[in-house]
Amino acid sequence: MAQGTYDEKLGTTRDWVRLLIGDRGPTFILGDDELNAYVTEANDNRYLAAAEALDALLMTWVSGGRGIKSKNVEGLSVTYAGVEDVKAKIKSLRAKAAESVTVQPVFRVLV
């Protein structure tokens, strides 16, 4: 597990990313430095940073054989997000990122 922090007051974009991807501790999947890199790469867009972080985690989970959605062993059943569920969440976060971007029109005076 990674070294990380989370403040439920959501004072930073990193806290928002942790909320959106469900990495709120007390043990963390991604470290603060890793999440800060996603936030920087996404130009401080919390939704895009969360989508990129989840996308990277998905690749790790799939390559590690963790794509199983449910398992039943001797009457004990466990169900969790499968690959398609995570892909749907990533798609939703990317759509929110696109909606949150404000495009500034550029006007040029031609002489």
C-alpha atoms as a PDB file:
ATOM      1  CA  MET A   1       0.000   0.000   0.000  1.00  0.00           C
ATOM      2  CA  ALA A   2       1.052   3.569  -0.617  1.00  0.00           C
ATOM      3  CA  GLN A   3       1.642   6.576   1.614  1.00  0.00           C
ATOM      4  CA  GLY A   4      -1.271   8.937   1.250  1.00  0.00           C
ATOM      5  CA  THR A   5      -3.533  11.474   2.880  1.00  0.00           C
ATOM      6  CA  TYR A   6      -7.220  12.267   2.542  1.00  0.00           C
ATOM      7  CA  ASP A   7      -9.184  15.174   3.988  1.00  0.00           C
ATOM      8  CA  GLU A   8     -12.952  14.712   3.864  1.00  0.00           C
ATOM      9  CA  LYS A   9     -13.328  18.506   3.679  1.00  0.00           C
ATOM     10  CA  LEU A  10     -12.074  18.142   0.072  1.00  0.00           C
ATOM     11  CA  GLY A  11      -9.707  21.094   0.258  1.00  0.00           C
ATOM     12  CA  THR A  12      -7.504  19.915  -2.624  1.00  0.00           C
ATOM     13  CA  THR A  13      -8.030  18.438  -6.057  1.00  0.00           C
ATOM     14  CA  ARG A  14      -6.146  15.361  -4.824  1.00  0.00           C
ATOM     15  CA  ASP A  15      -8.781  14.883  -2.089  1.00  0.00           C
ATOM     16  CA  TRP A  16     -11.507  15.118  -4.736  1.00  0.00           C
ATOM     17  CA  VAL A  17      -9.725  12.519  -6.879  1.00  0.00           C
ATOM     18  CA  ARG A  18      -9.489  10.170  -3.890  1.00  0.00           C
ATOM     19  CA  LEU A  19     -13.225  10.643  -3.269  1.00  0.00           C
ATOM     20  CA  LEU A  20     -14.089   9.968  -6.913  1.00  0.00           C
ATOM     21  CA  ILE A  21     -12.007   6.790  -7.178  1.00  0.00           C
ATOM     22  CA  GLY A  22     -12.837   5.502  -3.682  1.00  0.00           C
ATOM     23  CA  ASP A  23      -9.246   5.579  -2.400  1.00  0.00           C
ATOM     24  CA  ARG A  24      -9.993   7.286   0.927  1.00  0.00           C
ATOM     25  CA  GLY A  25      -7.922   5.174   3.320  1.00  0.00           C
ATOM     26  CA  PRO A  26      -7.021   4.324   5.966  1.00  0.00           C
ATOM     27  CA  THR A  27      -4.713   2.380   3.640  1.00  0.00           C
ATOM     28  CA  PHE A  28      -4.234   3.861   0.193  1.00  0.00           C
ATOM     29  CA  ILE A  29      -3.851   2.239  -3.218  1.00  0.00           C
ATOM     30  CA  LEU A  30      -2.179   5.293  -4.769  1.00  0.00           C
ATOM     31  CA  GLY A  31       0.308   7.572  -3.062  1.00  0.00           C
ATOM     32  CA  ASP A  32      -0.044  11.335  -2.858  1.00  0.00           C
ATOM     33  CA  ASP A  33       2.816  11.849  -5.336  1.00  0.00           C
ATOM     34  CA  GLU A  34       1.134   9.569  -7.882  1.00  0.00           C
ATOM     35  CA  LEU A  35      -2.196  11.356  -7.536  1.00  0.00           C
ATOM     36  CA  ASN A  36      -0.493  14.753  -7.703  1.00  0.00           C
ATOM     37  CA  ALA A  37       1.057  13.665 -11.022  1.00  0.00           C
ATOM     38  CA  TYR A  38      -2.405  12.788 -12.402  1.00  0.00           C
ATOM     39  CA  VAL A  39      -3.793  16.105 -11.149  1.00  0.00           C
ATOM     40  CA  THR A  40      -0.936  18.043 -12.776  1.00  0.00           C
ATOM     41  CA  GLU A  41      -1.260  16.125 -16.055  1.00  0.00           C
ATOM     42  CA  ALA A  42      -5.009  16.834 -16.067  1.00  0.00           C
ATOM     43  CA  ASN A  43      -4.464  20.576 -15.517  1.00  0.00           C
ATOM     44  CA  ASP A  44      -6.164  20.365 -12.114  1.00  0.00           C
ATOM     45  CA  ASN A  45      -9.362  18.835 -13.592  1.00  0.00           C
ATOM     46  CA  ARG A  46     -10.514  16.468 -10.830  1.00  0.00           C
ATOM     47  CA  TYR A  47     -12.673  14.346 -13.136  1.00  0.00           C
ATOM     48  CA  LEU A  48      -9.983  13.810 -15.755  1.00  0.00           C
ATOM     49  CA  ALA A  49      -7.366  13.081 -13.081  1.00  0.00           C
ATOM     50  CA  ALA A  50      -9.698  10.516 -11.488  1.00  0.00           C
ATOM     51  CA  ALA A  51     -10.380   8.896 -14.880  1.00  0.00           C
ATOM     52  CA  GLU A  52      -6.659   8.626 -15.623  1.00  0.00           C
ATOM     53  CA  ALA A  53      -5.906   7.197 -12.169  1.00  0.00           C
ATOM     54  CA  LEU A  54      -8.692   4.613 -12.484  1.00  0.00           C
ATOM     55  CA  ASP A  55      -7.536   3.726 -15.984  1.00  0.00           C
ATOM     56  CA  ALA A  56      -4.038   3.023 -14.673  1.00  0.00           C
ATOM     57  CA  LEU A  57      -5.427   1.003 -11.758  1.00  0.00           C
ATOM     58  CA  LEU A  58      -7.623  -0.986 -14.132  1.00  0.00           C
ATOM     59  CA  MET A  59      -4.592  -1.984 -16.193  1.00  0.00           C
ATOM     60  CA  THR A  60      -2.852  -3.145 -13.000  1.00  0.00           C
ATOM     61  CA  TRP A  61      -5.902  -5.099 -11.827  1.00  0.00           C
ATOM     62  CA  VAL A  62      -6.460  -6.795 -15.187  1.00  0.00           C
ATOM     63  CA  SER A  63      -2.805  -7.715 -15.647  1.00  0.00           C
ATOM     64  CA  GLY A  64      -2.847  -9.138 -12.101  1.00  0.00           C
ATOM     65  CA  GLY A  65      -5.864 -11.324 -12.881  1.00  0.00           C
ATOM     66  CA  ARG A  66      -8.267  -9.357 -10.701  1.00  0.00           C
ATOM     67  CA  GLY A  67     -11.008  -8.955 -13.302  1.00  0.00           C
ATOM     68  CA  ILE A  68     -13.369 -11.321 -11.486  1.00  0.00           C
ATOM     69  CA  LYS A  69     -16.657  -9.701 -10.487  1.00  0.00           C
ATOM     70  CA  SER A  70     -17.859 -12.223  -7.913  1.00  0.00           C
ATOM     71  CA  LYS A  71     -16.633 -15.316  -6.133  1.00  0.00           C
ATOM     72  CA  ASN A  72     -18.393 -17.916  -4.025  1.00  0.00           C
ATOM     73  CA  VAL A  73     -16.423 -20.203  -1.729  1.00  0.00           C
ATOM     74  CA  GLU A  74     -18.202 -22.573   0.652  1.00  0.00           C
ATOM     75  CA  GLY A  75     -21.277 -20.369   0.942  1.00  0.00           C
ATOM     76  CA  LEU A  76     -19.383 -17.092   1.343  1.00  0.00           C
ATOM     77  CA  SER A  77     -20.043 -14.766  -1.572  1.00  0.00           C
ATOM     78  CA  VAL A  78     -18.079 -11.629  -2.444  1.00  0.00           C
ATOM     79  CA  THR A  79     -19.051  -9.239  -5.247  1.00  0.00           C
ATOM     80  CA  TYR A  80     -17.118  -6.183  -6.348  1.00  0.00           C
ATOM     81  CA  ALA A  81     -16.680  -3.954  -9.370  1.00  0.00           C
ATOM     82  CA  GLY A  82     -15.629  -5.872 -12.429  1.00  0.00           C
ATOM     83  CA  VAL A  83     -13.724  -4.574 -15.430  1.00  0.00           C
ATOM     84  CA  GLU A  84     -16.837  -3.356 -17.240  1.00  0.00           C
ATOM     85  CA  ASP A  85     -18.037  -1.495 -14.132  1.00  0.00           C
ATOM     86  CA  VAL A  86     -14.699   0.298 -13.818  1.00  0.00           C
ATOM     87  CA  LYS A  87     -14.677   1.116 -17.553  1.00  0.00           C
ATOM     88  CA  ALA A  88     -18.168   2.630 -17.192  1.00  0.00           C
ATOM     89  CA  LYS A  89     -16.963   4.768 -14.267  1.00  0.00           C
ATOM     90  CA  ILE A  90     -13.949   5.940 -16.292  1.00  0.00           C
ATOM     91  CA  LYS A  91     -16.218   6.860 -19.217  1.00  0.00           C
ATOM     92  CA  SER A  92     -18.518   8.794 -16.870  1.00  0.00           C
ATOM     93  CA  LEU A  93     -15.596  10.691 -15.314  1.00  0.00           C
ATOM     94  CA  ARG A  94     -14.224  11.610 -18.756  1.00  0.00           C
ATOM     95  CA  ALA A  95     -17.659  12.928 -19.782  1.00  0.00           C
ATOM     96  CA  LYS A  96     -17.788  15.082 -16.630  1.00  0.00           C
ATOM     97  CA  ALA A  97     -14.264  16.316 -17.365  1.00  0.00           C
ATOM     98  CA  ALA A  98     -15.329  17.371 -20.855  1.00  0.00           C
ATOM     99  CA  GLU A  99     -18.405  19.157 -19.477  1.00  0.00           C
ATOM    100  CA  SER A 100     -16.335  21.018 -16.898  1.00  0.00           C
ATOM    101  CA  VAL A 101     -13.908  22.522 -19.412  1.00  0.00           C
ATOM    102  CA  THR A 102     -14.702  26.108 -20.274  1.00  0.00           C
ATOM    103  CA  VAL A 103     -13.641  27.117 -23.733  1.00  0.00           C
ATOM    104  CA  GLN A 104     -12.562  30.717 -24.055  1.00  0.00           C
ATOM    105  CA  PRO A 105     -13.307  32.167 -27.497  1.00  0.00           C
ATOM    106  CA  VAL A 106     -10.392  33.816 -29.243  1.00  0.00           C
ATOM    107  CA  PHE A 107     -11.117  36.862 -31.349  1.00  0.00           C
ATOM    108  CA  ARG A 108      -8.661  38.292 -33.815  1.00  0.00           C
ATOM    109  CA  VAL A 109      -8.893  41.598 -35.534  1.00  0.00           C
ATOM    110  CA  LEU A 110      -8.022  41.349 -39.184  1.00  0.00           C
ATOM    111  CA  VAL A 111      -6.667  44.468 -40.800  1.00  0.00           C
END
